[in-house]
Protein backbone atom coordinates (compact mmCIF):
# COMPACT_ATOMS: atom_id res chain seq x y z
CA UNK A 1 22.95 -11.20 13.94
CA UNK A 2 20.78 -8.48 15.48
CA UNK A 3 17.64 -9.91 17.05
CA UNK A 4 15.76 -6.86 18.32
CA UNK A 5 14.41 -4.24 15.94
CA UNK A 6 15.33 -0.56 15.85
CA UNK A 7 12.95 2.22 16.79
CA UNK A 8 13.57 4.84 14.10
CA UNK A 9 12.27 8.32 14.90
CA UNK A 10 12.27 10.81 12.02
CA UNK A 11 11.46 14.52 12.35
CA UNK A 12 12.05 17.69 10.39
CA UNK A 13 10.31 20.87 9.33
CA UNK A 14 7.34 20.85 6.97
CA UNK A 15 8.69 20.77 3.41
CA UNK A 16 11.99 19.04 4.29
CA UNK A 17 10.79 15.82 2.61
CA UNK A 18 10.62 13.57 5.67
CA UNK A 19 7.25 12.11 4.60
CA UNK A 20 8.64 11.07 1.20
CA UNK A 21 11.75 9.55 2.80
CA UNK A 22 9.61 7.58 5.28
CA UNK A 23 7.34 6.35 2.48
CA UNK A 24 10.34 5.17 0.43
CA UNK A 25 11.92 3.46 3.47
CA UNK A 26 8.72 1.51 4.10
CA UNK A 27 8.38 0.55 0.43
CA UNK A 28 11.94 -0.75 0.12
CA UNK A 29 12.35 -2.49 3.51
CA UNK A 30 9.89 -5.25 4.36
CA UNK A 31 11.17 -5.45 7.96
CA UNK A 32 10.37 -1.77 8.70
CA UNK A 33 6.85 -1.28 10.05
CA UNK A 34 5.15 2.09 10.37
CA UNK A 35 4.17 2.96 13.91
CA UNK A 36 0.41 3.36 14.30
CA UNK A 37 -0.79 6.20 16.52
CA UNK A 38 -3.88 6.21 18.71
CA UNK A 39 -6.35 9.08 18.64
CA UNK A 40 -9.65 10.09 20.20
CA UNK A 41 -10.88 11.83 17.04
CA UNK A 42 -13.36 9.99 14.85
CA UNK A 43 -12.16 8.17 11.70
CA UNK A 44 -12.22 10.17 8.46
CA UNK A 45 -13.52 8.70 5.22
CA UNK A 46 -11.27 5.86 4.07
CA UNK A 47 -9.30 5.59 7.33
CA UNK A 48 -8.84 2.04 8.62
CA UNK A 49 -8.66 0.99 12.28
CA UNK A 50 -5.19 -0.34 13.10
CA UNK A 51 -3.69 0.94 9.85
CA UNK A 52 -4.17 4.72 9.91
CA UNK A 53 -4.89 4.98 13.64
CA UNK A 54 -6.17 3.08 16.64
CA UNK A 55 -9.42 4.94 17.30
CA UNK A 56 -10.12 5.17 21.04
CA UNK A 57 -12.69 6.80 23.28
CA UNK A 58 -11.45 9.65 25.45
CA UNK A 59 -11.96 7.46 28.53
CA UNK A 60 -9.92 4.58 27.07
CA UNK A 61 -7.11 6.95 26.08
CA UNK A 62 -6.99 8.56 29.54
CA UNK A 63 -6.97 5.12 31.15
CA UNK A 64 -3.93 4.21 28.99
CA UNK A 65 -2.29 7.48 30.06
CA UNK A 66 -2.69 6.49 33.70
CA UNK A 67 -1.05 3.14 32.89
CA UNK A 68 1.90 4.90 31.17
CA UNK A 69 0.98 3.00 27.98
CA UNK A 70 2.24 5.65 25.52
CA UNK A 71 5.75 6.44 24.35
CA UNK A 72 4.52 10.00 23.74
CA UNK A 73 1.23 11.84 23.51
CA UNK A 74 -0.22 15.27 22.88
CA UNK A 75 -3.59 16.94 23.15
CA UNK A 76 -4.44 18.89 20.01
CA UNK A 77 -7.53 21.05 20.51
CA UNK A 78 -10.04 18.57 21.99
CA UNK A 79 -8.44 15.34 20.82
CA UNK A 80 -5.60 13.20 22.11
CA UNK A 81 -2.94 11.65 19.88
CA UNK A 82 -0.31 9.20 21.10
CA UNK A 83 2.08 6.36 20.25
CA UNK A 84 1.06 3.14 22.05
CA UNK A 85 4.04 1.34 23.60
CA UNK A 86 2.54 -2.13 23.13
CA UNK A 87 2.47 -2.02 19.31
CA UNK A 88 6.02 -0.67 19.14
CA UNK A 89 7.53 -3.07 21.71
CA UNK A 90 5.83 -6.15 20.20
CA UNK A 91 7.25 -5.33 16.76
CA UNK A 92 10.73 -4.56 18.10
CA UNK A 93 10.79 -7.79 20.11
CA UNK A 94 9.81 -9.79 17.02
CA UNK A 95 12.79 -8.32 15.13
CA UNK A 96 10.98 -5.69 13.07
CA UNK A 97 12.21 -2.12 12.89
CA UNK A 98 9.54 0.46 13.72
CA UNK A 99 9.44 3.80 11.94
CA UNK A 100 7.88 6.82 13.57
CA UNK A 101 7.50 10.12 11.69
CA UNK A 102 6.75 12.64 14.41
CA UNK A 103 7.13 16.24 15.49
CA UNK A 104 10.00 17.35 17.72
CA UNK A 105 7.97 17.57 20.94
CA UNK A 106 6.85 13.94 20.51
CA UNK A 107 10.36 12.79 19.53
CA UNK A 108 11.86 14.33 22.67
CA UNK A 109 9.22 12.63 24.85
CA UNK A 110 10.22 9.31 23.26
CA UNK A 111 13.91 10.03 23.81
CA UNK A 112 13.21 10.39 27.54
CA UNK A 113 11.58 6.95 27.70
CA UNK A 114 13.39 5.05 24.97
CA UNK A 115 17.03 6.09 24.84
CA UNK A 116 18.02 3.27 22.45
CA UNK A 117 15.89 4.77 19.66
CA UNK A 118 17.60 6.14 16.54
CA UNK A 119 16.70 9.83 16.15
CA UNK A 120 17.13 11.31 12.66
CA UNK A 121 16.44 14.91 11.66
CA UNK A 122 15.71 15.67 7.98
CA UNK A 123 16.81 19.13 6.83
CA UNK A 124 16.07 21.05 3.63
CA UNK A 125 19.12 22.18 1.59
CA UNK A 126 18.41 25.82 2.58
CA UNK A 127 15.63 28.02 3.93
CA UNK A 128 15.11 29.43 0.40
CA UNK A 129 14.54 25.90 -0.95
CA UNK A 130 12.20 25.11 1.95
CA UNK A 131 10.10 28.19 1.15
CA UNK A 132 10.05 27.20 -2.52
CA UNK A 133 8.80 23.70 -1.62
CA UNK A 134 6.06 25.01 0.67
CA UNK A 135 4.93 27.56 -1.94
CA UNK A 136 5.14 24.87 -4.65
CA UNK A 137 2.54 22.75 -2.87
CA UNK A 138 -0.03 25.41 -3.71
CA UNK A 139 -2.06 24.50 -0.63
CA UNK A 140 -0.92 27.23 1.77
CA UNK A 141 -2.08 30.82 2.11
CA UNK A 142 0.57 33.59 2.36
CA UNK A 143 -0.07 33.78 6.13
CA UNK A 144 0.38 29.99 6.47
CA UNK A 145 3.64 30.10 4.50
CA UNK A 146 5.06 32.79 6.81
CA UNK A 147 3.90 30.79 9.85
CA UNK A 148 5.44 27.51 8.57
CA UNK A 149 8.67 29.29 7.66
CA UNK A 150 8.97 30.72 11.19
CA UNK A 151 8.15 27.34 12.74
CA UNK A 152 10.80 25.67 10.54
CA UNK A 153 13.49 28.03 11.88
CA UNK A 154 12.54 27.13 15.46
CA UNK A 155 12.50 23.41 14.63
CA UNK A 156 15.92 23.47 12.95
CA UNK A 157 17.35 24.97 16.14
CA UNK A 158 16.40 21.67 17.86
CA UNK A 159 18.59 19.52 15.57
CA UNK A 160 21.21 19.24 18.33
CA UNK A 161 18.77 17.00 20.25
CA UNK A 162 18.98 14.31 17.53
CA UNK A 163 21.57 11.61 16.84
CA UNK A 164 21.80 12.23 13.09
CA UNK A 165 21.04 14.99 10.59
CA UNK A 166 20.44 14.34 6.88
CA UNK A 167 20.26 17.20 4.37
CA UNK A 168 17.68 16.36 1.72
CA UNK A 169 19.13 18.15 -1.31
CA UNK A 170 18.76 14.98 -3.39
CA UNK A 171 16.06 12.46 -2.42
CA UNK A 172 17.94 9.30 -3.49
CA UNK A 173 21.09 10.39 -1.68
CA UNK A 174 19.16 11.38 1.46
CA UNK A 175 17.47 7.97 1.45
CA UNK A 176 20.85 6.25 1.09
CA UNK A 177 22.15 8.29 4.03
CA UNK A 178 19.22 7.21 6.24
CA UNK A 179 19.65 3.57 5.21
CA UNK A 180 23.39 3.79 5.98
CA UNK A 181 22.56 5.16 9.45
CA UNK A 182 20.20 2.24 10.10
CA UNK A 183 22.74 -0.29 8.87
CA UNK A 184 25.44 1.15 11.15
CA UNK A 185 23.05 1.31 14.13
CA UNK A 186 22.18 -2.34 13.59
CA UNK A 187 25.87 -3.22 14.06
CA UNK A 188 26.32 -1.38 17.36
CA UNK A 189 27.98 -3.68 19.88
CA UNK A 190 25.30 -3.08 22.52
CA UNK A 191 22.65 -4.31 20.04
CA UNK A 192 24.51 -7.46 18.97
CA UNK A 193 26.45 -8.32 22.13
CA UNK A 194 24.07 -11.07 23.27
CA UNK A 195 24.33 -12.77 19.89
CA UNK A 196 28.14 -12.46 19.96
CA UNK A 197 28.18 -14.09 23.41
CA UNK A 198 25.96 -16.94 22.22
CA UNK A 199 28.27 -17.63 19.25
CA UNK A 200 31.70 -17.43 20.91
């Protein structure tokens, strides 16, 4: 019944498991496409244009900024990163859902421009479990762990800005919760009203 796709925006602190949930969503739903960001940094080994990123010159990126061609963007050190509107809108219009895993600052920029998006915040079961997960990665120094832990507290305080919160204490259950959210959102009257009118 629903013709237009959903823009699904997923955020959460490092270690909450949002990356795993996004990966599983993409694997199990052929109609969900991952949003592809644009960047002005050079491609790393193995990165593919149009799959990992759209690689742009600084001039091209700034020209797109002037044209309001991004749903959100940020400058990180000397490089720009952003979500091109065109890729997202084309997919949504063709009936695909578009999944965007992004930080809170980017998500809130998108919410300003694209109110009909579905904003989901992934939470760890507890701060103790979050710390355990970050430590368990074995890739962070003690200073980095403390920094990430502090950042996570600040991020969790932003959960009120989102439409939905999912506690990831069990990956399969958290994935089911996200899929249930998407199913319910797809049945919202404002998303299916045109189709209802055309049928009755």
